[in-house]
Protein backbone atom coordinates (compact mmCIF):
# COMPACT_ATOMS: atom_id res chain seq x y z
CA MET A 1 74.38 30.70 5.92
CA ARG A 2 72.37 30.30 9.10
CA SER A 3 71.03 33.85 9.00
CA SER A 4 69.04 33.26 5.78
CA LEU A 5 66.74 30.75 7.45
CA VAL A 6 66.73 32.42 10.83
CA ALA A 7 65.68 35.67 9.15
CA ALA A 8 62.65 33.81 7.81
CA LEU A 9 61.13 33.73 11.27
CA LEU A 10 58.41 36.26 10.73
CA LEU A 11 55.98 34.91 13.28
CA SER A 12 56.40 33.19 16.58
CA GLY A 13 53.05 32.54 18.13
CA SER A 14 51.34 35.73 16.95
CA ALA A 15 49.28 37.25 14.17
CA PHE A 16 50.79 39.50 11.52
CA ALA A 17 51.76 42.93 12.78
CA GLY A 18 49.02 45.39 12.01
CA GLU A 19 46.19 42.86 12.21
CA SER A 20 43.21 43.76 14.33
CA ARG A 21 42.69 42.44 17.82
CA TYR A 22 39.92 40.29 16.33
CA ALA A 23 42.49 38.55 14.15
CA SER A 24 44.61 37.99 17.25
CA ALA A 25 41.59 36.47 19.00
CA ALA A 26 41.07 34.20 15.98
CA CYS A 27 44.72 33.15 16.22
CA THR A 28 44.20 32.20 19.87
CA GLU A 29 41.23 30.04 18.85
CA LEU A 30 43.29 28.43 16.07
CA LYS A 31 46.05 27.60 18.55
CA THR A 32 43.51 25.97 20.88
CA GLU A 33 42.13 23.91 17.99
CA LEU A 34 45.66 22.79 17.03
CA VAL A 35 46.31 21.57 20.58
CA GLN A 36 42.96 19.74 20.62
CA GLY A 37 43.64 18.13 17.22
CA ALA A 38 47.01 16.90 18.47
CA LYS A 39 45.47 15.44 21.63
CA GLU A 40 42.93 13.55 19.53
CA GLN A 41 45.83 12.00 17.60
CA GLY A 42 47.89 11.30 20.73
CA VAL A 43 50.61 13.78 19.77
CA ALA A 44 52.36 15.95 22.39
CA LEU A 45 53.21 19.45 21.18
CA ASN A 46 55.55 22.29 22.01
CA GLU A 47 52.56 24.49 22.92
CA GLU A 48 54.59 27.59 23.83
CA GLU A 49 55.85 28.02 20.27
CA ILE A 50 52.70 27.79 18.14
CA GLY A 51 52.88 30.03 15.07
CA THR A 52 49.89 31.20 13.02
CA LEU A 53 49.40 32.70 9.60
CA THR A 54 46.04 33.87 8.27
CA THR A 55 45.46 35.45 4.87
CA ASP A 56 42.49 35.71 2.55
CA LYS A 57 43.58 32.44 0.88
CA ALA A 58 45.27 30.43 3.62
CA THR A 59 45.17 29.56 7.28
CA VAL A 60 48.17 27.76 8.75
CA VAL A 61 48.89 26.95 12.39
CA ALA A 62 52.03 25.02 13.33
CA THR A 63 54.38 24.00 16.09
CA SER A 64 57.02 21.39 16.73
CA ILE A 65 56.42 17.99 18.29
CA ALA A 66 57.42 17.87 21.99
CA GLY A 67 61.00 16.60 22.30
CA TYR A 68 61.95 17.39 18.69
CA ASP A 69 64.74 19.66 19.92
CA LYS A 70 66.44 16.64 21.55
CA VAL A 71 66.43 14.38 18.47
CA PRO A 72 69.90 13.98 16.89
CA ALA A 73 70.25 14.70 13.17
CA THR A 74 71.30 11.09 12.56
CA ASP A 75 67.69 10.05 13.32
CA TYR A 76 66.49 11.74 10.11
CA GLU A 77 67.48 8.57 8.26
CA LYS A 78 64.67 6.69 10.07
CA GLY A 79 62.24 9.59 9.90
CA VAL A 80 61.44 12.00 12.72
CA ASP A 81 58.08 13.47 13.72
CA ALA A 82 59.05 17.14 13.62
CA ALA A 83 55.88 19.25 13.51
CA PHE A 84 52.12 19.28 13.80
CA VAL A 85 50.21 21.64 11.51
CA TYR A 86 46.74 22.76 10.56
CA ILE A 87 46.50 23.90 6.96
CA ASP A 88 43.52 25.20 5.02
CA SER A 89 44.48 26.45 1.57
CA GLU A 90 43.48 25.39 -1.93
CA GLU A 91 46.99 26.25 -3.14
CA ALA A 92 48.46 23.59 -0.84
CA GLY A 93 46.70 20.88 -2.83
CA ILE A 94 45.62 18.88 0.23
CA PRO A 95 42.36 18.74 2.22
CA ALA A 96 42.01 21.18 5.11
CA GLY A 97 42.97 19.50 8.36
CA HIS A 98 45.54 18.64 11.00
CA TYR A 99 48.71 16.84 9.91
CA ARG A 100 51.65 15.26 11.70
CA VAL A 101 54.83 16.09 9.75
CA ASN A 102 57.50 13.38 9.56
CA VAL A 103 60.90 14.48 8.18
CA ARG A 104 63.30 12.02 6.54
CA ALA A 105 66.72 12.52 4.92
CA ASN A 106 69.01 10.12 3.10
CA LYS A 107 71.86 8.87 5.27
CA GLU A 108 74.46 10.14 2.79
CA ASP A 109 72.96 13.66 2.87
CA ILE A 110 72.98 14.13 6.66
CA GLN A 111 75.85 16.43 7.59
CA VAL A 112 76.85 19.57 9.44
CA GLY A 113 75.51 22.33 7.22
CA ARG A 114 72.52 22.40 4.84
CA TYR A 115 70.94 19.42 3.15
CA LYS A 116 67.70 18.35 1.52
CA ALA A 117 65.04 16.20 3.14
CA ILE A 118 61.42 15.22 2.56
CA ALA A 119 58.53 16.02 4.90
CA THR A 120 55.55 13.67 4.79
CA LEU A 121 52.18 15.06 5.90
CA ILE A 122 50.20 12.37 7.72
CA ASP A 123 46.49 12.82 8.44
CA LYS A 124 44.44 11.83 11.50
CA ASP A 125 43.89 8.33 10.06
CA GLY A 126 47.64 7.74 9.65
CA LYS A 127 47.46 8.13 5.85
CA GLU A 128 50.34 9.81 4.04
CA VAL A 129 48.65 12.67 2.18
CA ALA A 130 51.60 14.53 0.64
CA GLN A 131 55.36 14.88 0.57
CA ARG A 132 57.02 18.27 0.66
CA ALA A 133 60.49 19.70 0.06
CA THR A 134 62.40 20.39 3.24
CA VAL A 135 65.73 22.06 4.01
CA ILE A 136 67.63 21.16 7.16
CA GLU A 137 70.67 22.94 8.53
CA THR A 138 72.56 21.15 11.27
CA PHE A 139 74.90 23.28 13.37
CA PRO A 140 78.38 21.98 14.30
CA SER A 141 77.46 22.37 17.98
CA ALA A 142 74.43 23.43 19.96
CA VAL A 143 73.83 27.16 20.19
CA LYS A 144 72.78 28.82 23.40
CA SER A 145 69.05 29.31 23.76
CA ALA A 146 69.57 32.98 24.58
CA ARG A 147 70.54 33.55 20.96
CA TYR A 148 66.91 33.13 19.88
CA GLY A 149 65.20 33.93 23.17
CA SER A 150 64.05 30.35 23.83
CA PRO A 151 65.36 26.83 23.20
CA MET A 152 62.93 26.44 20.29
CA SER A 153 61.23 28.89 17.95
CA VAL A 154 58.58 28.10 15.36
CA GLY A 155 57.69 30.59 12.67
CA ILE A 156 55.68 30.64 9.48
CA GLN A 157 56.79 32.55 6.40
CA GLN A 158 54.71 33.33 3.32
CA GLN A 159 56.64 34.24 0.22
CA THR A 160 56.26 34.53 -3.53
CA ILE A 161 58.95 32.87 -5.61
CA ASN A 162 59.66 33.97 -9.20
CA ASP A 163 60.47 31.40 -11.84
CA TRP A 164 63.54 31.76 -14.03
CA ASN A 165 61.94 34.06 -16.60
CA LEU A 166 59.95 36.15 -14.10
CA THR A 167 56.66 35.53 -15.93
CA ARG A 168 55.01 33.41 -13.24
CA PHE A 169 54.89 33.62 -9.49
CA ARG A 170 54.37 30.78 -7.04
CA LYS A 171 53.21 31.34 -3.50
CA THR A 172 54.51 29.15 -0.76
CA ILE A 173 54.19 28.88 2.99
CA ILE A 174 57.17 27.58 4.93
CA VAL A 175 57.21 26.41 8.53
CA VAL A 176 60.59 27.23 10.07
CA ILE A 177 61.71 25.48 13.28
CA VAL A 178 64.84 26.84 14.98
CA HIS A 179 66.29 24.81 17.84
CA SER A 180 69.63 24.51 19.61
CA TRP A 181 71.24 22.17 17.08
CA GLY A 182 69.76 23.36 13.80
CA VAL A 183 67.03 24.76 11.59
CA THR A 184 64.31 22.88 9.69
CA GLY A 185 62.33 24.58 6.88
CA ILE A 186 59.23 22.69 5.66
CA ASP A 187 57.51 23.96 2.50
CA LEU A 188 53.78 23.25 2.88
CA PHE A 189 52.96 24.10 -0.76
CA GLY A 190 55.43 21.65 -2.29
CA THR A 191 57.68 24.23 -3.95
CA ASP A 192 61.28 23.05 -4.21
CA TYR A 193 63.12 26.22 -3.25
CA SER A 194 66.44 24.49 -2.52
CA SER A 195 68.21 26.44 -5.28
CA ASP A 196 67.53 29.58 -3.22
CA TYR A 197 69.71 28.07 -0.50
CA GLY A 198 72.67 27.04 -2.62
CA PHE A 199 71.97 23.37 -3.46
């Protein structure tokens, strides 16, 4: 159901509600650094939709690649540069830095509705650093931009997932990109949460 992923949009270019104005100033600086990091790698960004998340254990800044909203779902078979992120968190299991995120799905999985994909995090040297679970939902037709307030929205969600016996908890941070033809959810901590979405 589309609402489950859309509801995950907790942030869209702002700090957590209740954070001090100093945290908001830090978020502005993080956004500027993300744009600079992308320019150094020759990547054009959707700068109006940068999302930030800062906690005591993680800093994540993310947005979509410019033009991502115009890429057809069939291109996922070849791999699509979907997002550009800065991540600094020990729990993510990767070095702190800027990463281009390329999303790929198997041809037989691409459909209208939800399906699994893999996001590859690529560093400034073009090295593939990690692969992460991704959920894509492709809509049957484009939705009007007024539904979300803009043609593209980028949000970051932090959540704790319980395992089957409720004795352990895993934290994850998910970048959610909503655009006119679908939703892409990229798990930066490598937690396969696809069972939560009915796979």
